[in-house]
Amino acid sequence: MLRSLPVLAALALAGAAPAHALPLPEFCVPASDHVCTVRLASVTADAVDGTITGAPVGGGPAITLTGPGEVYLKSTGFVDAPSAVRTWDSTIDQVRPLDVSPSDPNWYGNAKAKVFLPRTLNDLATGFPPDTLVVSFTSGDGDAPYQLVSIQPTLRVGDPHFDR
């Protein structure tokens, strides 16, 4: 009986259904390297799940996204950025360099700030002017949220905050 356990385990794994990735939305076709990039008209944040949901500029279904703090980028293109965008940039500047090594007496608080950075920035993004946030993402596993590759406040040409 004991010799048959590895065989049974192998058969069970072979018969397991593979996880299917959530397909990219239709507005992403054609996607480059399975990465979709879109500008969002507006966003809402879910602090419990750590997700951000936004409606694409030009229409299409709302998308829910999640990702680690490293994919959150400082703004680009602004000369006189709106307050929420300036706060986004300064939050990144304050949190990214924090030391989380055990020798730092503040390592726990620093680690907590880094872990919660996406939730903090998602909340700030809800205060951005319309059409400010540009996201790049890939498919999630199953019905999981899409996985962020990058998220960045980006000025649209023609915006009054843009230096012409």
C-alpha atoms as a PDB file:
ATOM      1  CA  MET A   1       0.000   0.000   0.000  1.00  0.00           C
ATOM      2  CA  LEU A   2       2.775   2.471   0.876  1.00  0.00           C
ATOM      3  CA  ARG A   3       4.447   1.931  -2.486  1.00  0.00           C
ATOM      4  CA  SER A   4       1.263   2.886  -4.315  1.00  0.00           C
ATOM      5  CA  LEU A   5       0.897   6.261  -2.556  1.00  0.00           C
ATOM      6  CA  PRO A   6       3.362   8.090  -4.851  1.00  0.00           C
ATOM      7  CA  VAL A   7       1.563   6.679  -7.888  1.00  0.00           C
ATOM      8  CA  LEU A   8      -1.819   7.754  -6.537  1.00  0.00           C
ATOM      9  CA  ALA A   9      -0.470  11.210  -5.735  1.00  0.00           C
ATOM     10  CA  ALA A  10       0.938  11.575  -9.248  1.00  0.00           C
ATOM     11  CA  LEU A  11      -2.378  10.507 -10.784  1.00  0.00           C
ATOM     12  CA  ALA A  12      -4.283  12.954  -8.606  1.00  0.00           C
ATOM     13  CA  LEU A  13      -2.017  15.807  -9.673  1.00  0.00           C
ATOM     14  CA  ALA A  14      -2.243  14.838 -13.324  1.00  0.00           C
ATOM     15  CA  GLY A  15      -6.027  14.971 -13.138  1.00  0.00           C
ATOM     16  CA  ALA A  16      -6.153  18.299 -11.342  1.00  0.00           C
ATOM     17  CA  ALA A  17      -7.705  21.059 -13.390  1.00  0.00           C
ATOM     18  CA  PRO A  18      -5.231  23.780 -14.341  1.00  0.00           C
ATOM     19  CA  ALA A  19      -5.913  27.310 -13.161  1.00  0.00           C
ATOM     20  CA  HIS A  20      -7.144  29.525 -15.970  1.00  0.00           C
ATOM     21  CA  ALA A  21      -6.001  33.101 -16.233  1.00  0.00           C
ATOM     22  CA  LEU A  22      -8.599  35.826 -16.382  1.00  0.00           C
ATOM     23  CA  PRO A  23      -8.572  36.995 -20.022  1.00  0.00           C
ATOM     24  CA  LEU A  24      -7.592  40.568 -20.745  1.00  0.00           C
ATOM     25  CA  PRO A  25     -10.549  42.881 -21.452  1.00  0.00           C
ATOM     26  CA  GLU A  26     -11.587  43.391 -25.083  1.00  0.00           C
ATOM     27  CA  PHE A  27     -10.367  47.005 -25.067  1.00  0.00           C
ATOM     28  CA  CYS A  28      -6.808  45.632 -24.689  1.00  0.00           C
ATOM     29  CA  VAL A  29      -6.671  43.885 -28.045  1.00  0.00           C
ATOM     30  CA  PRO A  30      -4.021  43.699 -29.296  1.00  0.00           C
ATOM     31  CA  ALA A  31      -2.028  43.532 -26.079  1.00  0.00           C
ATOM     32  CA  SER A  32       1.747  43.749 -26.227  1.00  0.00           C
ATOM     33  CA  ASP A  33       3.415  40.740 -24.548  1.00  0.00           C
ATOM     34  CA  HIS A  34       0.134  39.991 -22.735  1.00  0.00           C
ATOM     35  CA  VAL A  35       0.342  43.388 -21.009  1.00  0.00           C
ATOM     36  CA  CYS A  36      -2.495  45.877 -21.385  1.00  0.00           C
ATOM     37  CA  THR A  37      -1.960  49.611 -20.880  1.00  0.00           C
ATOM     38  CA  VAL A  38      -4.933  51.920 -20.394  1.00  0.00           C
ATOM     39  CA  ARG A  39      -5.757  55.343 -18.971  1.00  0.00           C
ATOM     40  CA  LEU A  40      -8.471  55.252 -16.323  1.00  0.00           C
ATOM     41  CA  ALA A  41     -11.221  57.881 -16.213  1.00  0.00           C
ATOM     42  CA  SER A  42     -11.710  57.526 -12.452  1.00  0.00           C
ATOM     43  CA  VAL A  43     -10.959  55.017  -9.707  1.00  0.00           C
ATOM     44  CA  THR A  44     -12.253  53.649  -6.425  1.00  0.00           C
ATOM     45  CA  ALA A  45     -10.124  51.924  -3.804  1.00  0.00           C
ATOM     46  CA  ASP A  46     -10.830  48.948  -1.558  1.00  0.00           C
ATOM     47  CA  ALA A  47      -8.506  49.224   1.448  1.00  0.00           C
ATOM     48  CA  VAL A  48      -9.517  45.795   2.768  1.00  0.00           C
ATOM     49  CA  ASP A  49      -8.597  43.921  -0.430  1.00  0.00           C
ATOM     50  CA  GLY A  50      -5.814  46.317  -1.422  1.00  0.00           C
ATOM     51  CA  THR A  51      -7.331  46.753  -4.879  1.00  0.00           C
ATOM     52  CA  ILE A  52      -8.141  49.661  -7.118  1.00  0.00           C
ATOM     53  CA  THR A  53     -11.006  49.601  -9.624  1.00  0.00           C
ATOM     54  CA  GLY A  54     -11.247  51.960 -12.558  1.00  0.00           C
ATOM     55  CA  ALA A  55     -13.210  52.654 -15.692  1.00  0.00           C
ATOM     56  CA  PRO A  56     -11.146  53.030 -18.864  1.00  0.00           C
ATOM     57  CA  VAL A  57     -11.229  56.349 -20.729  1.00  0.00           C
ATOM     58  CA  GLY A  58     -13.376  55.837 -23.807  1.00  0.00           C
ATOM     59  CA  GLY A  59     -15.532  53.144 -22.240  1.00  0.00           C
ATOM     60  CA  GLY A  60     -15.352  49.479 -21.457  1.00  0.00           C
ATOM     61  CA  PRO A  61     -15.946  47.478 -18.315  1.00  0.00           C
ATOM     62  CA  ALA A  62     -14.374  48.594 -15.053  1.00  0.00           C
ATOM     63  CA  ILE A  63     -11.245  46.647 -14.118  1.00  0.00           C
ATOM     64  CA  THR A  64      -9.980  45.679 -10.671  1.00  0.00           C
ATOM     65  CA  LEU A  65      -6.213  45.723 -10.156  1.00  0.00           C
ATOM     66  CA  THR A  66      -3.712  44.804  -7.468  1.00  0.00           C
ATOM     67  CA  GLY A  67       0.060  44.839  -7.189  1.00  0.00           C
ATOM     68  CA  PRO A  68       3.095  45.333  -4.946  1.00  0.00           C
ATOM     69  CA  GLY A  69       4.447  48.727  -3.957  1.00  0.00           C
ATOM     70  CA  GLU A  70       7.320  48.489  -6.438  1.00  0.00           C
ATOM     71  CA  VAL A  71       4.986  48.904  -9.446  1.00  0.00           C
ATOM     72  CA  TYR A  72       3.654  52.258  -8.192  1.00  0.00           C
ATOM     73  CA  LEU A  73       5.591  54.970 -10.027  1.00  0.00           C
ATOM     74  CA  LYS A  74       5.981  58.684  -9.393  1.00  0.00           C
ATOM     75  CA  SER A  75       4.004  61.019 -11.645  1.00  0.00           C
ATOM     76  CA  THR A  76       5.197  62.184 -15.023  1.00  0.00           C
ATOM     77  CA  GLY A  77       4.483  65.184 -17.253  1.00  0.00           C
ATOM     78  CA  PHE A  78       3.191  67.616 -14.635  1.00  0.00           C
ATOM     79  CA  VAL A  79       4.605  71.101 -14.151  1.00  0.00           C
ATOM     80  CA  ASP A  80       2.053  72.102 -11.510  1.00  0.00           C
ATOM     81  CA  ALA A  81       0.692  68.785 -10.260  1.00  0.00           C
ATOM     82  CA  PRO A  82      -2.631  68.638  -8.404  1.00  0.00           C
ATOM     83  CA  SER A  83      -2.356  68.226  -4.620  1.00  0.00           C
ATOM     84  CA  ALA A  84      -3.258  64.503  -4.598  1.00  0.00           C
ATOM     85  CA  VAL A  85      -0.571  63.809  -7.231  1.00  0.00           C
ATOM     86  CA  ARG A  86       2.052  65.744  -5.230  1.00  0.00           C
ATOM     87  CA  THR A  87       1.085  63.747  -2.131  1.00  0.00           C
ATOM     88  CA  TRP A  88       1.386  60.493  -4.163  1.00  0.00           C
ATOM     89  CA  ASP A  89       4.940  61.439  -5.203  1.00  0.00           C
ATOM     90  CA  SER A  90       6.014  62.528  -1.715  1.00  0.00           C
ATOM     91  CA  THR A  91       4.563  59.356  -0.165  1.00  0.00           C
ATOM     92  CA  ILE A  92       6.649  57.237  -2.539  1.00  0.00           C
ATOM     93  CA  ASP A  93       9.730  59.354  -1.717  1.00  0.00           C
ATOM     94  CA  GLN A  94       9.154  58.887   2.025  1.00  0.00           C
ATOM     95  CA  VAL A  95       8.372  55.154   2.065  1.00  0.00           C
ATOM     96  CA  ARG A  96      10.658  53.605  -0.573  1.00  0.00           C
ATOM     97  CA  PRO A  97      13.977  54.308   1.204  1.00  0.00           C
ATOM     98  CA  LEU A  98      12.805  53.040   4.620  1.00  0.00           C
ATOM     99  CA  ASP A  99      15.152  50.478   6.178  1.00  0.00           C
ATOM    100  CA  VAL A 100      13.513  47.198   7.182  1.00  0.00           C
ATOM    101  CA  SER A 101      16.640  45.423   8.391  1.00  0.00           C
ATOM    102  CA  PRO A 102      16.382  43.981  11.929  1.00  0.00           C
ATOM    103  CA  SER A 103      19.207  46.256  13.074  1.00  0.00           C
ATOM    104  CA  ASP A 104      16.990  49.323  12.528  1.00  0.00           C
ATOM    105  CA  PRO A 105      14.968  50.031  15.700  1.00  0.00           C
ATOM    106  CA  ASN A 106      12.037  51.154  13.504  1.00  0.00           C
ATOM    107  CA  TRP A 107      12.129  48.105  11.224  1.00  0.00           C
ATOM    108  CA  TYR A 108       8.592  46.974  12.114  1.00  0.00           C
ATOM    109  CA  GLY A 109       6.963  50.352  11.461  1.00  0.00           C
ATOM    110  CA  ASN A 110       9.015  50.759   8.291  1.00  0.00           C
ATOM    111  CA  ALA A 111       7.986  47.317   7.029  1.00  0.00           C
ATOM    112  CA  LYS A 112       4.357  48.103   7.789  1.00  0.00           C
ATOM    113  CA  ALA A 113       4.585  51.361   5.819  1.00  0.00           C
ATOM    114  CA  LYS A 114       6.047  49.486   2.839  1.00  0.00           C
ATOM    115  CA  VAL A 115       3.416  46.741   2.951  1.00  0.00           C
ATOM    116  CA  PHE A 116       0.574  49.254   3.113  1.00  0.00           C
ATOM    117  CA  LEU A 117       2.028  51.597   0.463  1.00  0.00           C
ATOM    118  CA  PRO A 118      -0.270  50.291  -2.321  1.00  0.00           C
ATOM    119  CA  ARG A 119      -3.373  50.802  -0.166  1.00  0.00           C
ATOM    120  CA  THR A 120      -2.245  54.325   0.738  1.00  0.00           C
ATOM    121  CA  LEU A 121      -1.556  55.237  -2.889  1.00  0.00           C
ATOM    122  CA  ASN A 122      -4.801  53.643  -4.106  1.00  0.00           C
ATOM    123  CA  ASP A 123      -6.693  55.847  -1.674  1.00  0.00           C
ATOM    124  CA  LEU A 124      -4.823  58.940  -2.903  1.00  0.00           C
ATOM    125  CA  ALA A 125      -5.651  58.035  -6.527  1.00  0.00           C
ATOM    126  CA  THR A 126      -9.362  58.393  -5.793  1.00  0.00           C
ATOM    127  CA  GLY A 127      -8.713  62.136  -5.448  1.00  0.00           C
ATOM    128  CA  PHE A 128      -6.955  62.544  -8.805  1.00  0.00           C
ATOM    129  CA  PRO A 129      -8.521  64.651 -11.551  1.00  0.00           C
ATOM    130  CA  PRO A 130     -10.302  62.536 -14.204  1.00  0.00           C
ATOM    131  CA  ASP A 131      -8.151  60.711 -16.765  1.00  0.00           C
ATOM    132  CA  THR A 132      -4.918  61.051 -14.740  1.00  0.00           C
ATOM    133  CA  LEU A 133      -3.992  57.448 -13.915  1.00  0.00           C
ATOM    134  CA  VAL A 134      -2.294  55.166 -16.468  1.00  0.00           C
ATOM    135  CA  VAL A 135      -2.039  51.466 -15.625  1.00  0.00           C
ATOM    136  CA  SER A 136      -0.338  48.494 -17.255  1.00  0.00           C
ATOM    137  CA  PHE A 137      -1.488  45.042 -16.182  1.00  0.00           C
ATOM    138  CA  THR A 138      -1.560  41.339 -16.967  1.00  0.00           C
ATOM    139  CA  SER A 139      -4.119  38.627 -16.376  1.00  0.00           C
ATOM    140  CA  GLY A 140      -4.727  37.403 -12.856  1.00  0.00           C
ATOM    141  CA  ASP A 141      -5.234  33.765 -11.893  1.00  0.00           C
ATOM    142  CA  GLY A 142      -8.805  32.549 -12.140  1.00  0.00           C
ATOM    143  CA  ASP A 143     -11.133  35.341 -11.104  1.00  0.00           C
ATOM    144  CA  ALA A 144      -8.417  37.208  -9.173  1.00  0.00           C
ATOM    145  CA  PRO A 145      -7.873  40.910  -9.901  1.00  0.00           C
ATOM    146  CA  TYR A 146      -5.624  41.846 -12.785  1.00  0.00           C
ATOM    147  CA  GLN A 147      -1.963  42.113 -11.754  1.00  0.00           C
ATOM    148  CA  LEU A 148      -0.385  45.547 -12.047  1.00  0.00           C
ATOM    149  CA  VAL A 149       2.844  45.898 -14.001  1.00  0.00           C
ATOM    150  CA  SER A 150       2.885  49.669 -13.430  1.00  0.00           C
ATOM    151  CA  ILE A 151       0.578  52.403 -12.173  1.00  0.00           C
ATOM    152  CA  GLN A 152       1.423  56.078 -12.642  1.00  0.00           C
ATOM    153  CA  PRO A 153      -0.271  59.469 -12.599  1.00  0.00           C
ATOM    154  CA  THR A 154       0.420  60.778 -16.099  1.00  0.00           C
ATOM    155  CA  LEU A 155      -0.602  64.126 -17.492  1.00  0.00           C
ATOM    156  CA  ARG A 156      -2.616  64.167 -20.710  1.00  0.00           C
ATOM    157  CA  VAL A 157      -1.414  66.533 -23.405  1.00  0.00           C
ATOM    158  CA  GLY A 158      -3.795  69.482 -23.417  1.00  0.00           C
ATOM    159  CA  ASP A 159      -4.290  69.425 -19.643  1.00  0.00           C
ATOM    160  CA  PRO A 160      -3.911  72.917 -18.098  1.00  0.00           C
ATOM    161  CA  HIS A 161      -1.203  71.567 -15.751  1.00  0.00           C
ATOM    162  CA  PHE A 162       0.963  70.647 -18.759  1.00  0.00           C
ATOM    163  CA  ASP A 163       3.845  72.909 -19.778  1.00  0.00           C
ATOM    164  CA  ARG A 164       3.377  73.625 -23.486  1.00  0.00           C
END
